[in-house]
Amino acid sequence: MAEIVGDVGLLCPPAMCRRSATPLARIVDDDDLHGELNRRGPERAAQFSWSSSAARHAEVYREAIERYG
């Protein structure tokens, strides 16, 4: 999912699901790419937390209740 991966991963278009091994092969075969993604992955993951996810969900529910309540 592009909104999660950002620029710290490789995406596979849905129409190419059967070819999803191609991005994985790039990561395995390209040591520089592998190293870069490996280094930046934890930084990207740190941008997400259960508490911020829960807060965002609660906000969406509140907006829905206000609008359709």
N, C-alpha and C. Protein backbone atom coordinates (compact mmCIF):
# COMPACT_ATOMS: atom_id res chain seq x y z
N MET A 1 0.85 -1.17 0.00
CA MET A 1 0.00 0.00 0.00
C MET A 1 0.90 1.24 0.00
N ALA A 2 0.72 2.04 -1.01
CA ALA A 2 1.57 3.20 -1.22
C ALA A 2 1.59 4.15 -0.03
N GLU A 3 0.43 4.34 0.62
CA GLU A 3 0.38 5.28 1.75
C GLU A 3 1.16 4.77 2.95
N ILE A 4 1.41 3.50 3.02
CA ILE A 4 2.20 2.95 4.12
C ILE A 4 3.67 2.86 3.72
N VAL A 5 3.93 2.34 2.56
CA VAL A 5 5.31 2.16 2.11
C VAL A 5 6.01 3.49 1.87
N GLY A 6 5.28 4.46 1.34
CA GLY A 6 5.91 5.73 1.00
C GLY A 6 6.98 5.49 -0.05
N ASP A 7 8.13 6.10 0.16
CA ASP A 7 9.23 5.91 -0.79
C ASP A 7 10.28 4.95 -0.22
N VAL A 8 9.88 4.12 0.73
CA VAL A 8 10.80 3.20 1.39
C VAL A 8 10.43 1.75 1.06
N GLY A 9 9.97 1.52 -0.13
CA GLY A 9 9.65 0.16 -0.54
C GLY A 9 9.32 0.12 -2.01
N LEU A 10 9.14 -1.05 -2.51
CA LEU A 10 8.78 -1.23 -3.90
C LEU A 10 7.33 -1.69 -3.97
N LEU A 11 6.61 -1.14 -4.93
CA LEU A 11 5.20 -1.47 -5.08
C LEU A 11 5.00 -2.34 -6.32
N CYS A 12 3.98 -3.13 -6.27
CA CYS A 12 3.59 -3.97 -7.40
C CYS A 12 2.16 -3.61 -7.74
N PRO A 13 1.92 -3.10 -8.96
CA PRO A 13 0.55 -2.76 -9.34
C PRO A 13 -0.37 -3.98 -9.22
N PRO A 14 -1.62 -3.77 -8.77
CA PRO A 14 -2.54 -4.89 -8.58
C PRO A 14 -2.68 -5.79 -9.81
N ALA A 15 -2.64 -5.21 -10.99
CA ALA A 15 -2.78 -6.00 -12.21
C ALA A 15 -1.61 -6.95 -12.43
N MET A 16 -0.53 -6.72 -11.69
CA MET A 16 0.66 -7.54 -11.86
C MET A 16 0.88 -8.48 -10.68
N CYS A 17 -0.18 -8.83 -9.98
CA CYS A 17 -0.03 -9.66 -8.79
C CYS A 17 0.75 -10.93 -9.04
N ARG A 18 0.58 -11.53 -10.18
CA ARG A 18 1.31 -12.76 -10.49
C ARG A 18 2.80 -12.51 -10.67
N ARG A 19 3.15 -11.26 -10.91
CA ARG A 19 4.56 -10.92 -11.09
C ARG A 19 5.14 -10.24 -9.85
N SER A 20 4.50 -10.41 -8.72
CA SER A 20 4.94 -9.72 -7.51
C SER A 20 6.33 -10.14 -7.07
N ALA A 21 6.84 -11.22 -7.61
CA ALA A 21 8.19 -11.65 -7.25
C ALA A 21 9.23 -10.71 -7.85
N THR A 22 8.88 -9.95 -8.88
CA THR A 22 9.85 -9.07 -9.52
C THR A 22 10.42 -8.03 -8.56
N PRO A 23 9.60 -7.28 -7.81
CA PRO A 23 10.18 -6.35 -6.85
C PRO A 23 11.01 -7.07 -5.77
N LEU A 24 10.57 -8.24 -5.36
CA LEU A 24 11.32 -9.00 -4.37
C LEU A 24 12.68 -9.42 -4.93
N ALA A 25 12.69 -9.83 -6.17
CA ALA A 25 13.95 -10.22 -6.81
C ALA A 25 14.89 -9.03 -6.89
N ARG A 26 14.36 -7.85 -7.17
CA ARG A 26 15.20 -6.64 -7.21
C ARG A 26 15.87 -6.40 -5.87
N ILE A 27 15.10 -6.57 -4.80
CA ILE A 27 15.66 -6.35 -3.47
C ILE A 27 16.74 -7.38 -3.16
N VAL A 28 16.52 -8.61 -3.55
CA VAL A 28 17.49 -9.67 -3.29
C VAL A 28 18.74 -9.48 -4.14
N ASP A 29 18.56 -9.09 -5.40
CA ASP A 29 19.68 -9.00 -6.33
C ASP A 29 20.48 -7.70 -6.23
N ASP A 30 19.87 -6.64 -5.75
CA ASP A 30 20.52 -5.33 -5.71
C ASP A 30 20.93 -5.02 -4.28
N ASP A 31 22.20 -5.21 -3.99
CA ASP A 31 22.69 -5.00 -2.62
C ASP A 31 22.51 -3.56 -2.15
N ASP A 32 22.71 -2.59 -3.05
CA ASP A 32 22.54 -1.19 -2.67
C ASP A 32 21.08 -0.89 -2.31
N LEU A 33 20.17 -1.37 -3.15
CA LEU A 33 18.74 -1.17 -2.88
C LEU A 33 18.35 -1.87 -1.58
N HIS A 34 18.80 -3.09 -1.41
CA HIS A 34 18.51 -3.84 -0.18
C HIS A 34 19.00 -3.07 1.05
N GLY A 35 20.22 -2.59 0.99
CA GLY A 35 20.78 -1.84 2.11
C GLY A 35 20.03 -0.56 2.41
N GLU A 36 19.66 0.16 1.35
CA GLU A 36 18.91 1.41 1.52
C GLU A 36 17.54 1.16 2.15
N LEU A 37 16.82 0.18 1.64
CA LEU A 37 15.49 -0.13 2.20
C LEU A 37 15.62 -0.65 3.63
N ASN A 38 16.63 -1.44 3.86
CA ASN A 38 16.87 -1.98 5.20
C ASN A 38 17.18 -0.87 6.20
N ARG A 39 17.91 0.12 5.77
CA ARG A 39 18.27 1.24 6.64
C ARG A 39 17.07 2.15 6.89
N ARG A 40 16.31 2.44 5.83
CA ARG A 40 15.23 3.41 5.95
C ARG A 40 13.91 2.81 6.46
N GLY A 41 13.77 1.49 6.39
CA GLY A 41 12.53 0.84 6.81
C GLY A 41 12.14 1.13 8.25
N PRO A 42 13.05 0.95 9.20
CA PRO A 42 12.68 1.25 10.59
C PRO A 42 12.31 2.71 10.82
N GLU A 43 12.94 3.63 10.08
CA GLU A 43 12.58 5.05 10.19
C GLU A 43 11.13 5.26 9.76
N ARG A 44 10.76 4.61 8.67
CA ARG A 44 9.39 4.73 8.17
C ARG A 44 8.41 4.08 9.15
N ALA A 45 8.73 2.91 9.63
CA ALA A 45 7.86 2.20 10.57
C ALA A 45 7.63 3.02 11.83
N ALA A 46 8.62 3.78 12.25
CA ALA A 46 8.50 4.58 13.47
C ALA A 46 7.47 5.70 13.32
N GLN A 47 7.07 5.99 12.08
CA GLN A 47 6.07 7.04 11.85
C GLN A 47 4.65 6.55 12.18
N PHE A 48 4.51 5.26 12.45
CA PHE A 48 3.20 4.68 12.72
C PHE A 48 3.16 4.12 14.14
N SER A 49 2.01 4.23 14.77
CA SER A 49 1.85 3.64 16.10
C SER A 49 0.39 3.24 16.27
N TRP A 50 0.16 2.31 17.19
CA TRP A 50 -1.21 1.90 17.47
C TRP A 50 -2.02 3.05 18.04
N SER A 51 -1.39 3.87 18.87
CA SER A 51 -2.15 4.97 19.48
C SER A 51 -2.57 6.01 18.44
N SER A 52 -1.70 6.32 17.48
CA SER A 52 -2.10 7.29 16.45
C SER A 52 -3.14 6.68 15.53
N SER A 53 -3.05 5.39 15.26
CA SER A 53 -4.06 4.71 14.45
C SER A 53 -5.41 4.74 15.15
N ALA A 54 -5.42 4.44 16.43
CA ALA A 54 -6.66 4.45 17.21
C ALA A 54 -7.25 5.85 17.25
N ALA A 55 -6.42 6.86 17.42
CA ALA A 55 -6.90 8.24 17.46
C ALA A 55 -7.52 8.63 16.12
N ARG A 56 -6.89 8.23 15.03
CA ARG A 56 -7.43 8.55 13.71
C ARG A 56 -8.76 7.83 13.47
N HIS A 57 -8.85 6.58 13.88
CA HIS A 57 -10.11 5.85 13.74
C HIS A 57 -11.22 6.52 14.56
N ALA A 58 -10.90 6.92 15.77
CA ALA A 58 -11.89 7.59 16.62
C ALA A 58 -12.36 8.89 15.96
N GLU A 59 -11.44 9.61 15.35
CA GLU A 59 -11.78 10.86 14.66
C GLU A 59 -12.75 10.58 13.49
N VAL A 60 -12.47 9.55 12.73
CA VAL A 60 -13.34 9.19 11.61
C VAL A 60 -14.73 8.82 12.11
N TYR A 61 -14.79 8.04 13.20
CA TYR A 61 -16.08 7.66 13.77
C TYR A 61 -16.85 8.88 14.26
N ARG A 62 -16.16 9.82 14.92
CA ARG A 62 -16.82 11.03 15.39
C ARG A 62 -17.38 11.84 14.22
N GLU A 63 -16.59 11.96 13.16
CA GLU A 63 -17.07 12.69 11.99
C GLU A 63 -18.28 12.02 11.38
N ALA A 64 -18.28 10.70 11.32
CA ALA A 64 -19.42 9.96 10.76
C ALA A 64 -20.66 10.16 11.62
N ILE A 65 -20.51 10.14 12.93
CA ILE A 65 -21.64 10.33 13.84
C ILE A 65 -22.19 11.74 13.68
N GLU A 66 -21.31 12.73 13.59
CA GLU A 66 -21.76 14.11 13.41
C GLU A 66 -22.50 14.29 12.10
N ARG A 67 -22.02 13.65 11.08
CA ARG A 67 -22.62 13.81 9.75
C ARG A 67 -23.90 13.00 9.59
N TYR A 68 -23.88 11.76 10.07
CA TYR A 68 -25.00 10.85 9.81
C TYR A 68 -25.78 10.48 11.07
N GLY A 69 -25.24 10.89 12.22
CA GLY A 69 -25.69 10.54 13.51
C GLY A 69 -27.09 10.43 13.85
